[in-house]
């Protein structure tokens, strides 16, 4: 009798909990041909290295980013992205890509980078791995199905900031729901890790880096508008480094620890 009463009580509580749970919602990027979105992207990086001697450096760079949706189909959209550099500060660590650039991407409704088509009018097939590596998307990956508050999902995701190979196993969480005068908002937390191969410039010369990276962050997503309001992420990596100093000098090797903080905010 006691067990039966406990069982019925537990079932009643469970039914109440289920009935009170908010309905599942859909999170998807909305692309309308001709739509223009503007952002400011700020990056702060710090590095420590031991490459024929120890050293450290950092930089702060910012870009004005303008996205224009050029065409739309059932799987996503063709988007033109223009990046215009703002004043930068380098302290012993070269910052990547301080020139203006524009590139065309194919993006899925979940934010997936499906394809890079061109950079500054040059077809992607004619670009080097290093040039392609600096092209990415700062959108958090969205779930492919409707989800409830506090649900999580997993997706393979490319890392930003110049990685030429970086399949991160990412986990997203619908951390909070809210509303402001413009509509419904979703707070998305995310984290992940994976192998990275990266080509970049260091004070010693052109370098290839191979290692692992961990990234985490959060984003505010406009549910009704289908676009990113803001986002921030931190990526930490440890790498084995091979540097080509140039001038016919022999390659040198060493290690590098890199921390990158990236912030994106929608601008008027």
C-alpha atoms as a PDB file:
ATOM      1  CA  UNK A   1       0.000   0.000   0.000  1.00  0.00           C
ATOM      2  CA  UNK A   2       2.800   2.418   0.897  1.00  0.00           C
ATOM      3  CA  UNK A   3       4.690   1.648  -2.311  1.00  0.00           C
ATOM      4  CA  UNK A   4       1.533   2.083  -4.358  1.00  0.00           C
ATOM      5  CA  UNK A   5       0.913   5.466  -2.771  1.00  0.00           C
ATOM      6  CA  UNK A   6       4.501   6.538  -3.412  1.00  0.00           C
ATOM      7  CA  UNK A   7       4.273   5.397  -7.021  1.00  0.00           C
ATOM      8  CA  UNK A   8       1.050   7.335  -7.634  1.00  0.00           C
ATOM      9  CA  UNK A   9       2.491  10.416  -5.926  1.00  0.00           C
ATOM     10  CA  UNK A  10       5.650  10.275  -8.047  1.00  0.00           C
ATOM     11  CA  UNK A  11       3.587   9.912 -11.248  1.00  0.00           C
ATOM     12  CA  UNK A  12       1.459  12.900 -10.298  1.00  0.00           C
ATOM     13  CA  UNK A  13       4.523  15.064  -9.701  1.00  0.00           C
ATOM     14  CA  UNK A  14       6.029  13.931 -13.000  1.00  0.00           C
ATOM     15  CA  UNK A  15       2.849  14.740 -14.889  1.00  0.00           C
ATOM     16  CA  UNK A  16       2.689  18.187 -13.331  1.00  0.00           C
ATOM     17  CA  UNK A  17       6.322  18.836 -14.259  1.00  0.00           C
ATOM     18  CA  UNK A  18       5.751  17.769 -17.848  1.00  0.00           C
ATOM     19  CA  UNK A  19       2.592  19.824 -18.191  1.00  0.00           C
ATOM     20  CA  UNK A  20       4.383  22.920 -16.875  1.00  0.00           C
ATOM     21  CA  UNK A  21       7.390  22.589 -19.166  1.00  0.00           C
ATOM     22  CA  UNK A  22       7.493  25.339 -21.839  1.00  0.00           C
ATOM     23  CA  UNK A  23       6.797  24.324 -25.407  1.00  0.00           C
ATOM     24  CA  UNK A  24       9.747  23.475 -27.615  1.00  0.00           C
ATOM     25  CA  UNK A  25      10.953  26.321 -29.812  1.00  0.00           C
ATOM     26  CA  UNK A  26      12.737  26.519 -33.145  1.00  0.00           C
ATOM     27  CA  UNK A  27      16.023  28.373 -33.490  1.00  0.00           C
ATOM     28  CA  UNK A  28      17.037  29.140 -37.065  1.00  0.00           C
ATOM     29  CA  UNK A  29      18.857  31.863 -38.927  1.00  0.00           C
ATOM     30  CA  UNK A  30      16.524  33.761 -41.229  1.00  0.00           C
ATOM     31  CA  UNK A  31      17.916  34.970 -44.554  1.00  0.00           C
ATOM     32  CA  UNK A  32      15.981  37.473 -46.672  1.00  0.00           C
ATOM     33  CA  UNK A  33      17.493  38.542 -49.986  1.00  0.00           C
ATOM     34  CA  UNK A  34      18.835  42.073 -49.660  1.00  0.00           C
ATOM     35  CA  UNK A  35      18.919  42.027 -45.849  1.00  0.00           C
ATOM     36  CA  UNK A  36      21.905  43.891 -44.366  1.00  0.00           C
ATOM     37  CA  UNK A  37      23.284  43.354 -40.850  1.00  0.00           C
ATOM     38  CA  UNK A  38      26.170  45.294 -39.311  1.00  0.00           C
ATOM     39  CA  UNK A  39      28.425  44.246 -36.432  1.00  0.00           C
ATOM     40  CA  UNK A  40      31.586  45.279 -34.669  1.00  0.00           C
ATOM     41  CA  UNK A  41      34.041  42.453 -34.035  1.00  0.00           C
ATOM     42  CA  UNK A  42      36.758  42.884 -31.398  1.00  0.00           C
ATOM     43  CA  UNK A  43      39.598  40.403 -30.891  1.00  0.00           C
ATOM     44  CA  UNK A  44      42.141  40.254 -28.094  1.00  0.00           C
ATOM     45  CA  UNK A  45      44.945  37.693 -28.273  1.00  0.00           C
ATOM     46  CA  UNK A  46      47.785  36.780 -25.940  1.00  0.00           C
ATOM     47  CA  UNK A  47      50.570  34.325 -26.710  1.00  0.00           C
ATOM     48  CA  UNK A  48      53.579  32.774 -25.016  1.00  0.00           C
ATOM     49  CA  UNK A  49      56.156  30.824 -26.961  1.00  0.00           C
ATOM     50  CA  UNK A  50      59.398  28.921 -26.660  1.00  0.00           C
ATOM     51  CA  UNK A  51      60.840  28.947 -30.162  1.00  0.00           C
ATOM     52  CA  UNK A  52      64.628  29.140 -29.934  1.00  0.00           C
ATOM     53  CA  UNK A  53      64.058  31.350 -26.905  1.00  0.00           C
ATOM     54  CA  UNK A  54      61.030  32.345 -24.852  1.00  0.00           C
ATOM     55  CA  UNK A  55      58.817  35.312 -25.568  1.00  0.00           C
ATOM     56  CA  UNK A  56      55.316  36.700 -25.340  1.00  0.00           C
ATOM     57  CA  UNK A  57      53.049  39.167 -27.102  1.00  0.00           C
ATOM     58  CA  UNK A  58      49.485  40.311 -27.598  1.00  0.00           C
ATOM     59  CA  UNK A  59      47.247  42.323 -29.895  1.00  0.00           C
ATOM     60  CA  UNK A  60      43.872  44.058 -29.969  1.00  0.00           C
ATOM     61  CA  UNK A  61      42.111  44.410 -33.314  1.00  0.00           C
ATOM     62  CA  UNK A  62      38.608  45.470 -34.322  1.00  0.00           C
ATOM     63  CA  UNK A  63      36.597  45.269 -37.520  1.00  0.00           C
ATOM     64  CA  UNK A  64      33.390  46.748 -38.834  1.00  0.00           C
ATOM     65  CA  UNK A  65      31.520  43.803 -40.378  1.00  0.00           C
ATOM     66  CA  UNK A  66      28.704  44.221 -42.905  1.00  0.00           C
ATOM     67  CA  UNK A  67      26.691  41.218 -44.082  1.00  0.00           C
ATOM     68  CA  UNK A  68      24.457  41.362 -47.155  1.00  0.00           C
ATOM     69  CA  UNK A  69      22.230  38.421 -48.130  1.00  0.00           C
ATOM     70  CA  UNK A  70      22.561  38.040 -51.887  1.00  0.00           C
ATOM     71  CA  UNK A  71      20.303  35.045 -52.563  1.00  0.00           C
ATOM     72  CA  UNK A  72      18.315  32.416 -50.669  1.00  0.00           C
ATOM     73  CA  UNK A  73      17.327  28.802 -51.317  1.00  0.00           C
ATOM     74  CA  UNK A  74      15.899  25.896 -49.325  1.00  0.00           C
ATOM     75  CA  UNK A  75      19.209  25.015 -47.658  1.00  0.00           C
ATOM     76  CA  UNK A  76      20.471  28.462 -46.708  1.00  0.00           C
ATOM     77  CA  UNK A  77      21.840  31.588 -48.329  1.00  0.00           C
ATOM     78  CA  UNK A  78      24.664  33.209 -50.237  1.00  0.00           C
ATOM     79  CA  UNK A  79      26.026  36.014 -48.048  1.00  0.00           C
ATOM     80  CA  UNK A  80      28.548  38.743 -48.901  1.00  0.00           C
ATOM     81  CA  UNK A  81      30.661  39.738 -45.888  1.00  0.00           C
ATOM     82  CA  UNK A  82      32.718  42.948 -45.838  1.00  0.00           C
ATOM     83  CA  UNK A  83      35.288  43.505 -43.071  1.00  0.00           C
ATOM     84  CA  UNK A  84      36.744  46.962 -42.557  1.00  0.00           C
ATOM     85  CA  UNK A  85      39.583  47.285 -40.021  1.00  0.00           C
ATOM     86  CA  UNK A  86      39.461  49.785 -37.183  1.00  0.00           C
ATOM     87  CA  UNK A  87      42.572  51.018 -35.307  1.00  0.00           C
ATOM     88  CA  UNK A  88      44.642  48.115 -33.958  1.00  0.00           C
ATOM     89  CA  UNK A  89      47.359  47.735 -31.341  1.00  0.00           C
ATOM     90  CA  UNK A  90      50.100  45.123 -31.616  1.00  0.00           C
ATOM     91  CA  UNK A  91      52.448  44.337 -28.732  1.00  0.00           C
ATOM     92  CA  UNK A  92      54.989  41.863 -30.017  1.00  0.00           C
ATOM     93  CA  UNK A  93      52.421  39.605 -31.715  1.00  0.00           C
ATOM     94  CA  UNK A  94      51.365  40.241 -35.345  1.00  0.00           C
ATOM     95  CA  UNK A  95      47.601  40.463 -35.785  1.00  0.00           C
ATOM     96  CA  UNK A  96      45.985  38.659 -38.732  1.00  0.00           C
ATOM     97  CA  UNK A  97      44.526  40.422 -41.717  1.00  0.00           C
ATOM     98  CA  UNK A  98      44.483  44.159 -40.972  1.00  0.00           C
ATOM     99  CA  UNK A  99      43.465  45.040 -44.526  1.00  0.00           C
ATOM    100  CA  UNK A 100      39.884  45.455 -45.754  1.00  0.00           C
ATOM    101  CA  UNK A 101      38.447  42.317 -47.288  1.00  0.00           C
ATOM    102  CA  UNK A 102      35.219  40.921 -48.663  1.00  0.00           C
ATOM    103  CA  UNK A 103      34.198  37.332 -49.195  1.00  0.00           C
ATOM    104  CA  UNK A 104      31.163  35.327 -50.243  1.00  0.00           C
ATOM    105  CA  UNK A 105      29.913  32.408 -48.156  1.00  0.00           C
ATOM    106  CA  UNK A 106      27.202  29.818 -48.326  1.00  0.00           C
ATOM    107  CA  UNK A 107      25.543  29.520 -44.908  1.00  0.00           C
ATOM    108  CA  UNK A 108      22.962  27.033 -43.639  1.00  0.00           C
ATOM    109  CA  UNK A 109      19.919  27.829 -41.517  1.00  0.00           C
ATOM    110  CA  UNK A 110      21.751  26.396 -38.484  1.00  0.00           C
ATOM    111  CA  UNK A 111      24.682  28.783 -39.130  1.00  0.00           C
ATOM    112  CA  UNK A 112      26.890  26.146 -40.737  1.00  0.00           C
ATOM    113  CA  UNK A 113      29.579  27.432 -43.095  1.00  0.00           C
ATOM    114  CA  UNK A 114      28.804  25.307 -46.146  1.00  0.00           C
ATOM    115  CA  UNK A 115      31.260  26.809 -48.616  1.00  0.00           C
ATOM    116  CA  UNK A 116      33.659  29.698 -49.254  1.00  0.00           C
ATOM    117  CA  UNK A 117      33.181  31.024 -52.786  1.00  0.00           C
ATOM    118  CA  UNK A 118      35.657  33.893 -53.122  1.00  0.00           C
ATOM    119  CA  UNK A 119      37.881  36.391 -51.331  1.00  0.00           C
ATOM    120  CA  UNK A 120      38.229  39.938 -52.674  1.00  0.00           C
ATOM    121  CA  UNK A 121      36.834  38.751 -55.994  1.00  0.00           C
ATOM    122  CA  UNK A 122      39.277  35.834 -56.325  1.00  0.00           C
ATOM    123  CA  UNK A 123      37.700  32.382 -56.559  1.00  0.00           C
ATOM    124  CA  UNK A 124      38.326  30.139 -53.566  1.00  0.00           C
ATOM    125  CA  UNK A 125      39.895  27.500 -55.823  1.00  0.00           C
ATOM    126  CA  UNK A 126      42.736  29.952 -56.539  1.00  0.00           C
ATOM    127  CA  UNK A 127      43.430  30.780 -52.866  1.00  0.00           C
ATOM    128  CA  UNK A 128      45.971  29.250 -50.506  1.00  0.00           C
ATOM    129  CA  UNK A 129      45.041  27.354 -47.354  1.00  0.00           C
ATOM    130  CA  UNK A 130      46.252  30.298 -45.273  1.00  0.00           C
ATOM    131  CA  UNK A 131      44.006  32.739 -47.150  1.00  0.00           C
ATOM    132  CA  UNK A 132      40.991  30.420 -46.847  1.00  0.00           C
ATOM    133  CA  UNK A 133      41.787  29.854 -43.184  1.00  0.00           C
ATOM    134  CA  UNK A 134      41.020  33.456 -42.257  1.00  0.00           C
ATOM    135  CA  UNK A 135      37.478  33.130 -43.563  1.00  0.00           C
ATOM    136  CA  UNK A 136      34.879  31.888 -41.125  1.00  0.00           C
ATOM    137  CA  UNK A 137      31.630  32.660 -39.405  1.00  0.00           C
ATOM    138  CA  UNK A 138      31.168  33.833 -35.827  1.00  0.00           C
ATOM    139  CA  UNK A 139      27.618  32.477 -35.637  1.00  0.00           C
ATOM    140  CA  UNK A 140      26.967  29.903 -32.917  1.00  0.00           C
ATOM    141  CA  UNK A 141      25.741  26.598 -34.326  1.00  0.00           C
ATOM    142  CA  UNK A 142      22.006  26.110 -33.798  1.00  0.00           C
ATOM    143  CA  UNK A 143      20.147  22.812 -33.270  1.00  0.00           C
ATOM    144  CA  UNK A 144      18.541  21.152 -36.262  1.00  0.00           C
ATOM    145  CA  UNK A 145      15.356  20.338 -34.319  1.00  0.00           C
ATOM    146  CA  UNK A 146      13.003  22.147 -31.966  1.00  0.00           C
ATOM    147  CA  UNK A 147      14.297  22.216 -28.379  1.00  0.00           C
ATOM    148  CA  UNK A 148      13.217  23.048 -24.831  1.00  0.00           C
ATOM    149  CA  UNK A 149      14.865  25.377 -22.348  1.00  0.00           C
ATOM    150  CA  UNK A 150      18.112  23.838 -20.975  1.00  0.00           C
ATOM    151  CA  UNK A 151      18.244  21.242 -23.768  1.00  0.00           C
ATOM    152  CA  UNK A 152      21.636  20.685 -25.394  1.00  0.00           C
ATOM    153  CA  UNK A 153      22.821  19.643 -28.845  1.00  0.00           C
ATOM    154  CA  UNK A 154      26.133  18.710 -30.462  1.00  0.00           C
ATOM    155  CA  UNK A 155      27.648  19.681 -33.783  1.00  0.00           C
ATOM    156  CA  UNK A 156      31.038  19.679 -35.518  1.00  0.00           C
ATOM    157  CA  UNK A 157      32.150  23.260 -35.989  1.00  0.00           C
ATOM    158  CA  UNK A 158      35.038  25.124 -37.615  1.00  0.00           C
ATOM    159  CA  UNK A 159      36.974  27.435 -35.325  1.00  0.00           C
ATOM    160  CA  UNK A 160      37.504  31.077 -36.323  1.00  0.00           C
ATOM    161  CA  UNK A 161      40.717  33.144 -36.263  1.00  0.00           C
ATOM    162  CA  UNK A 162      42.699  31.619 -39.079  1.00  0.00           C
ATOM    163  CA  UNK A 163      42.610  27.896 -38.476  1.00  0.00           C
ATOM    164  CA  UNK A 164      43.187  25.927 -41.673  1.00  0.00           C
ATOM    165  CA  UNK A 165      41.959  22.681 -40.113  1.00  0.00           C
ATOM    166  CA  UNK A 166      39.777  22.649 -37.029  1.00  0.00           C
ATOM    167  CA  UNK A 167      36.906  20.264 -36.510  1.00  0.00           C
ATOM    168  CA  UNK A 168      35.747  21.115 -33.010  1.00  0.00           C
ATOM    169  CA  UNK A 169      33.159  18.903 -31.349  1.00  0.00           C
ATOM    170  CA  UNK A 170      30.832  21.623 -30.059  1.00  0.00           C
ATOM    171  CA  UNK A 171      28.035  21.409 -27.492  1.00  0.00           C
ATOM    172  CA  UNK A 172      25.318  24.064 -27.398  1.00  0.00           C
ATOM    173  CA  UNK A 173      22.843  24.708 -24.594  1.00  0.00           C
ATOM    174  CA  UNK A 174      19.675  26.796 -24.617  1.00  0.00           C
ATOM    175  CA  UNK A 175      20.585  28.507 -21.347  1.00  0.00           C
ATOM    176  CA  UNK A 176      17.813  31.132 -21.043  1.00  0.00           C
ATOM    177  CA  UNK A 177      14.832  32.693 -22.777  1.00  0.00           C
ATOM    178  CA  UNK A 178      13.792  36.327 -22.551  1.00  0.00           C
ATOM    179  CA  UNK A 179      12.161  39.232 -24.340  1.00  0.00           C
ATOM    180  CA  UNK A 180      12.844  42.899 -24.986  1.00  0.00           C
ATOM    181  CA  UNK A 181      11.075  45.615 -26.955  1.00  0.00           C
ATOM    182  CA  UNK A 182      12.191  44.037 -30.238  1.00  0.00           C
ATOM    183  CA  UNK A 183      11.057  40.475 -29.554  1.00  0.00           C
ATOM    184  CA  UNK A 184      12.014  37.117 -28.078  1.00  0.00           C
ATOM    185  CA  UNK A 185      15.618  36.328 -27.196  1.00  0.00           C
ATOM    186  CA  UNK A 186      17.554  33.117 -26.561  1.00  0.00           C
ATOM    187  CA  UNK A 187      20.799  32.884 -24.610  1.00  0.00           C
ATOM    188  CA  UNK A 188      23.000  30.130 -26.013  1.00  0.00           C
ATOM    189  CA  UNK A 189      26.044  28.781 -24.181  1.00  0.00           C
ATOM    190  CA  UNK A 190      28.555  26.672 -26.074  1.00  0.00           C
ATOM    191  CA  UNK A 191      31.843  24.860 -25.586  1.00  0.00           C
ATOM    192  CA  UNK A 192      33.995  22.371 -27.444  1.00  0.00           C
ATOM    193  CA  UNK A 193      37.457  21.091 -28.250  1.00  0.00           C
ATOM    194  CA  UNK A 194      39.367  19.445 -31.047  1.00  0.00           C
ATOM    195  CA  UNK A 195      42.528  19.320 -33.182  1.00  0.00           C
ATOM    196  CA  UNK A 196      43.748  22.447 -34.956  1.00  0.00           C
ATOM    197  CA  UNK A 197      46.257  23.047 -37.722  1.00  0.00           C
ATOM    198  CA  UNK A 198      46.992  26.711 -38.185  1.00  0.00           C
ATOM    199  CA  UNK A 199      49.201  28.762 -40.506  1.00  0.00           C
ATOM    200  CA  UNK A 200      50.082  32.261 -39.351  1.00  0.00           C
ATOM    201  CA  UNK A 201      52.870  34.809 -38.891  1.00  0.00           C
ATOM    202  CA  UNK A 202      54.997  35.008 -35.760  1.00  0.00           C
ATOM    203  CA  UNK A 203      57.839  37.452 -35.054  1.00  0.00           C
ATOM    204  CA  UNK A 204      60.276  34.669 -36.081  1.00  0.00           C
ATOM    205  CA  UNK A 205      58.635  34.146 -39.493  1.00  0.00           C
ATOM    206  CA  UNK A 206      55.883  32.167 -41.248  1.00  0.00           C
ATOM    207  CA  UNK A 207      54.709  29.375 -38.946  1.00  0.00           C
ATOM    208  CA  UNK A 208      52.676  26.185 -39.012  1.00  0.00           C
ATOM    209  CA  UNK A 209      51.015  25.240 -35.732  1.00  0.00           C
ATOM    210  CA  UNK A 210      49.490  21.893 -34.831  1.00  0.00           C
ATOM    211  CA  UNK A 211      47.803  21.047 -31.547  1.00  0.00           C
ATOM    212  CA  UNK A 212      44.488  21.187 -29.737  1.00  0.00           C
ATOM    213  CA  UNK A 213      42.107  24.012 -28.887  1.00  0.00           C
ATOM    214  CA  UNK A 214      39.269  24.491 -26.430  1.00  0.00           C
ATOM    215  CA  UNK A 215      36.611  27.113 -26.965  1.00  0.00           C
ATOM    216  CA  UNK A 216      33.662  28.358 -24.925  1.00  0.00           C
ATOM    217  CA  UNK A 217      31.293  31.288 -25.011  1.00  0.00           C
ATOM    218  CA  UNK A 218      27.757  32.569 -25.157  1.00  0.00           C
ATOM    219  CA  UNK A 219      25.497  34.383 -27.589  1.00  0.00           C
ATOM    220  CA  UNK A 220      22.237  36.314 -27.633  1.00  0.00           C
ATOM    221  CA  UNK A 221      20.040  35.173 -30.523  1.00  0.00           C
ATOM    222  CA  UNK A 222      16.982  37.058 -31.802  1.00  0.00           C
ATOM    223  CA  UNK A 223      14.395  34.272 -32.149  1.00  0.00           C
ATOM    224  CA  UNK A 224      11.807  36.180 -34.178  1.00  0.00           C
ATOM    225  CA  UNK A 225      14.317  38.007 -36.375  1.00  0.00           C
ATOM    226  CA  UNK A 226      16.528  34.948 -36.866  1.00  0.00           C
ATOM    227  CA  UNK A 227      19.857  36.698 -36.348  1.00  0.00           C
ATOM    228  CA  UNK A 228      22.693  37.086 -33.861  1.00  0.00           C
ATOM    229  CA  UNK A 229      22.440  40.071 -31.510  1.00  0.00           C
ATOM    230  CA  UNK A 230      25.802  39.562 -29.799  1.00  0.00           C
ATOM    231  CA  UNK A 231      28.301  36.900 -28.875  1.00  0.00           C
ATOM    232  CA  UNK A 232      31.590  36.303 -27.125  1.00  0.00           C
ATOM    233  CA  UNK A 233      34.009  33.400 -27.084  1.00  0.00           C
ATOM    234  CA  UNK A 234      37.343  32.406 -25.607  1.00  0.00           C
ATOM    235  CA  UNK A 235      39.639  29.940 -27.351  1.00  0.00           C
ATOM    236  CA  UNK A 236      42.744  28.491 -25.725  1.00  0.00           C
ATOM    237  CA  UNK A 237      45.244  26.372 -27.629  1.00  0.00           C
ATOM    238  CA  UNK A 238      48.601  24.673 -27.144  1.00  0.00           C
ATOM    239  CA  UNK A 239      50.637  23.970 -30.269  1.00  0.00           C
ATOM    240  CA  UNK A 240      53.789  22.456 -31.650  1.00  0.00           C
ATOM    241  CA  UNK A 241      55.308  25.059 -33.966  1.00  0.00           C
ATOM    242  CA  UNK A 242      57.495  24.885 -37.062  1.00  0.00           C
ATOM    243  CA  UNK A 243      58.789  28.245 -38.312  1.00  0.00           C
ATOM    244  CA  UNK A 244      60.358  29.127 -41.667  1.00  0.00           C
ATOM    245  CA  UNK A 245      62.439  32.230 -40.885  1.00  0.00           C
ATOM    246  CA  UNK A 246      63.140  33.083 -44.524  1.00  0.00           C
ATOM    247  CA  UNK A 247      66.404  34.209 -46.067  1.00  0.00           C
ATOM    248  CA  UNK A 248      67.516  30.633 -46.599  1.00  0.00           C
ATOM    249  CA  UNK A 249      67.762  29.957 -42.864  1.00  0.00           C
ATOM    250  CA  UNK A 250      66.934  26.526 -41.495  1.00  0.00           C
ATOM    251  CA  UNK A 251      63.467  25.869 -40.015  1.00  0.00           C
ATOM    252  CA  UNK A 252      63.139  26.061 -36.255  1.00  0.00           C
ATOM    253  CA  UNK A 253      60.634  24.384 -33.954  1.00  0.00           C
ATOM    254  CA  UNK A 254      59.110  25.051 -30.557  1.00  0.00           C
ATOM    255  CA  UNK A 255      55.847  25.461 -28.661  1.00  0.00           C
ATOM    256  CA  UNK A 256      53.153  28.121 -28.451  1.00  0.00           C
ATOM    257  CA  UNK A 257      50.304  28.817 -26.023  1.00  0.00           C
ATOM    258  CA  UNK A 258      47.585  31.080 -27.453  1.00  0.00           C
ATOM    259  CA  UNK A 259      44.487  32.644 -25.907  1.00  0.00           C
ATOM    260  CA  UNK A 260      41.964  34.452 -28.109  1.00  0.00           C
ATOM    261  CA  UNK A 261      38.930  36.422 -26.945  1.00  0.00           C
ATOM    262  CA  UNK A 262      36.400  37.375 -29.620  1.00  0.00           C
ATOM    263  CA  UNK A 263      33.394  39.664 -29.120  1.00  0.00           C
ATOM    264  CA  UNK A 264      30.722  40.486 -31.699  1.00  0.00           C
ATOM    265  CA  UNK A 265      27.986  43.093 -31.202  1.00  0.00           C
ATOM    266  CA  UNK A 266      25.282  44.195 -33.608  1.00  0.00           C
ATOM    267  CA  UNK A 267      25.641  47.849 -34.541  1.00  0.00           C
ATOM    268  CA  UNK A 268      23.145  50.338 -35.950  1.00  0.00           C
END
